[in-house]
N, C-alpha and C. Protein backbone atom coordinates (compact mmCIF):
# COMPACT_ATOMS: atom_id res chain seq x y z
N UNK A 1 5.91 -10.47 -3.07
CA UNK A 1 5.31 -10.15 -2.02
C UNK A 1 5.26 -8.27 -2.08
N UNK A 2 3.41 -8.43 -1.80
CA UNK A 2 3.42 -7.37 -1.65
C UNK A 2 2.89 -6.51 -0.63
N UNK A 3 3.32 -5.53 0.45
CA UNK A 3 2.47 -5.31 1.39
C UNK A 3 2.33 -3.77 0.97
N UNK A 4 1.16 -3.20 0.71
CA UNK A 4 0.52 -1.88 0.30
C UNK A 4 -0.12 -1.60 1.50
N UNK A 5 0.12 0.06 1.75
CA UNK A 5 0.41 1.01 2.43
C UNK A 5 -1.01 2.14 1.66
N UNK A 6 -1.45 2.70 2.33
CA UNK A 6 -2.36 3.77 1.71
C UNK A 6 -1.87 4.65 2.51
N UNK A 7 -1.04 5.87 1.70
CA UNK A 7 -0.54 7.04 2.11
C UNK A 7 -1.01 8.19 2.76
N UNK A 8 -2.56 8.15 3.02
CA UNK A 8 -2.85 8.99 3.37
C UNK A 8 -3.22 8.06 5.13
N UNK A 9 -2.80 6.66 5.59
CA UNK A 9 -3.01 6.22 6.57
C UNK A 9 -1.70 6.22 7.76
N UNK A 10 -0.82 7.07 7.37
CA UNK A 10 0.41 7.52 8.07
C UNK A 10 -0.07 7.52 9.39
N UNK A 11 0.54 6.72 10.57
CA UNK A 11 0.75 6.22 11.88
C UNK A 11 -0.87 6.00 12.05
N UNK A 12 -1.68 5.55 11.58
CA UNK A 12 -2.32 4.63 11.71
C UNK A 12 -3.07 3.09 12.43
N UNK A 13 -3.68 2.19 12.27
CA UNK A 13 -3.05 0.95 12.92
C UNK A 13 -2.58 -0.02 11.65
N UNK A 14 -3.35 0.09 10.59
CA UNK A 14 -3.05 -0.38 9.45
C UNK A 14 -1.91 -0.45 8.82
N UNK A 15 -1.24 0.96 9.11
CA UNK A 15 -0.12 1.83 8.92
C UNK A 15 1.04 0.82 9.38
N UNK A 16 0.70 1.25 10.88
CA UNK A 16 1.78 0.38 11.88
C UNK A 16 2.17 -1.07 11.22
N UNK A 17 0.84 -1.94 11.35
CA UNK A 17 0.56 -3.42 11.75
C UNK A 17 1.70 -3.61 9.97
N UNK A 18 0.99 -2.58 9.04
CA UNK A 18 1.70 -3.24 7.15
C UNK A 18 2.97 -3.11 7.46
N UNK A 19 3.79 -2.16 8.24
CA UNK A 19 5.32 -2.04 8.13
C UNK A 19 5.60 -2.88 8.87
N UNK A 20 4.90 -3.42 10.07
CA UNK A 20 5.94 -4.38 10.91
C UNK A 20 5.65 -5.78 10.37
N UNK A 21 4.71 -5.53 9.65
CA UNK A 21 4.64 -6.81 8.72
C UNK A 21 5.71 -7.35 7.77
N UNK A 22 6.50 -6.20 7.18
CA UNK A 22 6.82 -5.30 5.82
C UNK A 22 8.03 -6.29 6.55
N UNK A 23 8.40 -5.68 7.24
CA UNK A 23 9.41 -5.60 7.86
C UNK A 23 9.89 -6.56 8.53
N UNK A 24 9.08 -7.59 9.24
CA UNK A 24 9.25 -9.14 9.02
C UNK A 24 9.87 -9.57 8.59
N UNK A 25 9.10 -9.87 7.08
CA UNK A 25 9.18 -10.67 5.68
C UNK A 25 10.63 -10.05 5.27
N UNK A 26 10.62 -8.80 5.62
CA UNK A 26 12.36 -7.93 4.67
C UNK A 26 12.03 -7.60 3.45
N UNK A 27 10.31 -6.78 3.28
CA UNK A 27 10.05 -5.97 1.99
C UNK A 27 10.14 -5.25 2.10
N UNK A 28 9.93 -4.52 1.47
CA UNK A 28 9.73 -2.85 1.98
C UNK A 28 7.77 -3.02 1.58
N UNK A 29 7.26 -1.68 2.19
CA UNK A 29 6.17 -1.31 2.15
C UNK A 29 5.73 -1.16 0.21
N UNK A 30 4.28 -0.87 -0.11
CA UNK A 30 4.55 -0.02 -1.31
C UNK A 30 3.27 0.56 -1.08
N UNK A 31 3.88 2.22 -1.52
CA UNK A 31 2.00 3.32 -0.84
C UNK A 31 1.48 3.07 -1.92
N UNK A 32 0.16 3.39 -1.83
CA UNK A 32 -0.69 2.99 -1.94
C UNK A 32 -1.60 4.46 -2.57
N UNK A 33 -2.36 5.33 -3.06
CA UNK A 33 -3.26 6.97 -2.66
C UNK A 33 -3.81 6.80 -2.07
N UNK A 34 -4.14 7.67 -1.08
CA UNK A 34 -5.95 7.21 -1.25
C UNK A 34 -5.28 7.47 0.66
N UNK A 35 -6.22 6.22 1.53
CA UNK A 35 -5.96 6.25 2.78
C UNK A 35 -6.63 4.22 3.02
N UNK A 36 -6.91 3.64 3.87
CA UNK A 36 -6.48 2.16 4.36
C UNK A 36 -7.63 1.69 2.76
N UNK A 37 -8.24 2.56 2.44
CA UNK A 37 -9.00 1.62 1.89
C UNK A 37 -9.73 2.39 0.02
N UNK A 38 -8.18 3.14 -0.13
CA UNK A 38 -8.16 3.66 -1.61
C UNK A 38 -8.76 2.99 -3.15
N UNK A 39 -8.91 2.29 -2.57
CA UNK A 39 -9.25 0.86 -4.19
C UNK A 39 -10.63 1.06 -3.63
N UNK A 40 -11.64 1.08 -3.11
CA UNK A 40 -13.33 1.64 -2.59
C UNK A 40 -12.95 3.15 -3.28
N UNK A 41 -12.21 4.44 -2.59
CA UNK A 41 -12.78 5.41 -2.48
C UNK A 41 -11.90 6.04 -3.97
N UNK A 42 -10.74 5.85 -4.90
CA UNK A 42 -10.58 6.39 -5.80
C UNK A 42 -9.73 4.62 -6.75
N UNK A 43 -10.65 4.22 -7.29
CA UNK A 43 -10.66 2.87 -7.92
C UNK A 43 -9.49 3.20 -9.18
N UNK A 44 -9.91 4.26 -9.94
CA UNK A 44 -9.07 4.24 -10.93
C UNK A 44 -7.52 4.86 -10.45
N UNK A 45 -6.94 5.53 -9.90
CA UNK A 45 -5.86 6.05 -9.01
C UNK A 45 -5.34 4.80 -8.91
N UNK A 46 -6.12 3.59 -7.82
CA UNK A 46 -5.12 3.08 -7.08
C UNK A 46 -4.86 1.75 -8.61
N UNK A 47 -6.23 1.94 -9.28
CA UNK A 47 -6.27 0.59 -10.35
C UNK A 47 -4.60 1.61 -11.02
N UNK A 48 -4.21 2.51 -11.23
CA UNK A 48 -3.13 2.57 -12.46
C UNK A 48 -1.37 2.42 -11.44
N UNK A 49 -2.02 2.46 -10.11
CA UNK A 49 -0.74 2.12 -9.12
C UNK A 49 0.16 0.86 -9.19
N UNK A 50 -1.17 0.12 -9.36
CA UNK A 50 -1.17 -1.26 -8.86
C UNK A 50 -0.61 -1.59 -9.79
N UNK A 51 -1.31 -1.65 -10.77
CA UNK A 51 -0.55 -1.25 -12.54
C UNK A 51 1.43 -1.31 -12.52
N UNK A 52 1.68 -0.20 -12.39
CA UNK A 52 2.44 0.44 -12.18
C UNK A 52 3.71 -1.43 -11.45
N UNK A 53 3.01 -0.59 -10.19
CA UNK A 53 3.57 -2.17 -9.23
C UNK A 53 4.04 -3.33 -9.47
N UNK A 54 2.94 -3.76 -10.47
CA UNK A 54 3.16 -5.22 -10.67
C UNK A 54 4.19 -5.25 -11.91
N UNK A 55 4.26 -3.90 -12.43
CA UNK A 55 4.95 -4.22 -13.97
C UNK A 55 6.55 -4.13 -13.48
N UNK A 56 6.31 -3.68 -12.12
CA UNK A 56 7.73 -4.20 -12.11
C UNK A 56 9.16 -5.21 -11.87
N UNK A 57 10.13 -5.58 -12.17
CA UNK A 57 10.69 -6.91 -12.81
C UNK A 57 10.66 -7.22 -11.20
C-alpha cells in the first residue's frame, strides 16, 4: 500500500490526513514531487518518482 504526499503540501489538510491514514495503517507515507496535484503540474517527474517507488521490493 502506498500513501503518497506532495512534498510541497506540508502542513496542508491533504498532508495531515494522509499522514494520519498512513500511521493508522502502519505504513510510511511516500513523498512525491510538487504539491497535491503534482501528477498534473509535473507529470514527468511524478511518473519517474512513482516508477521508483513501485520498483522497490
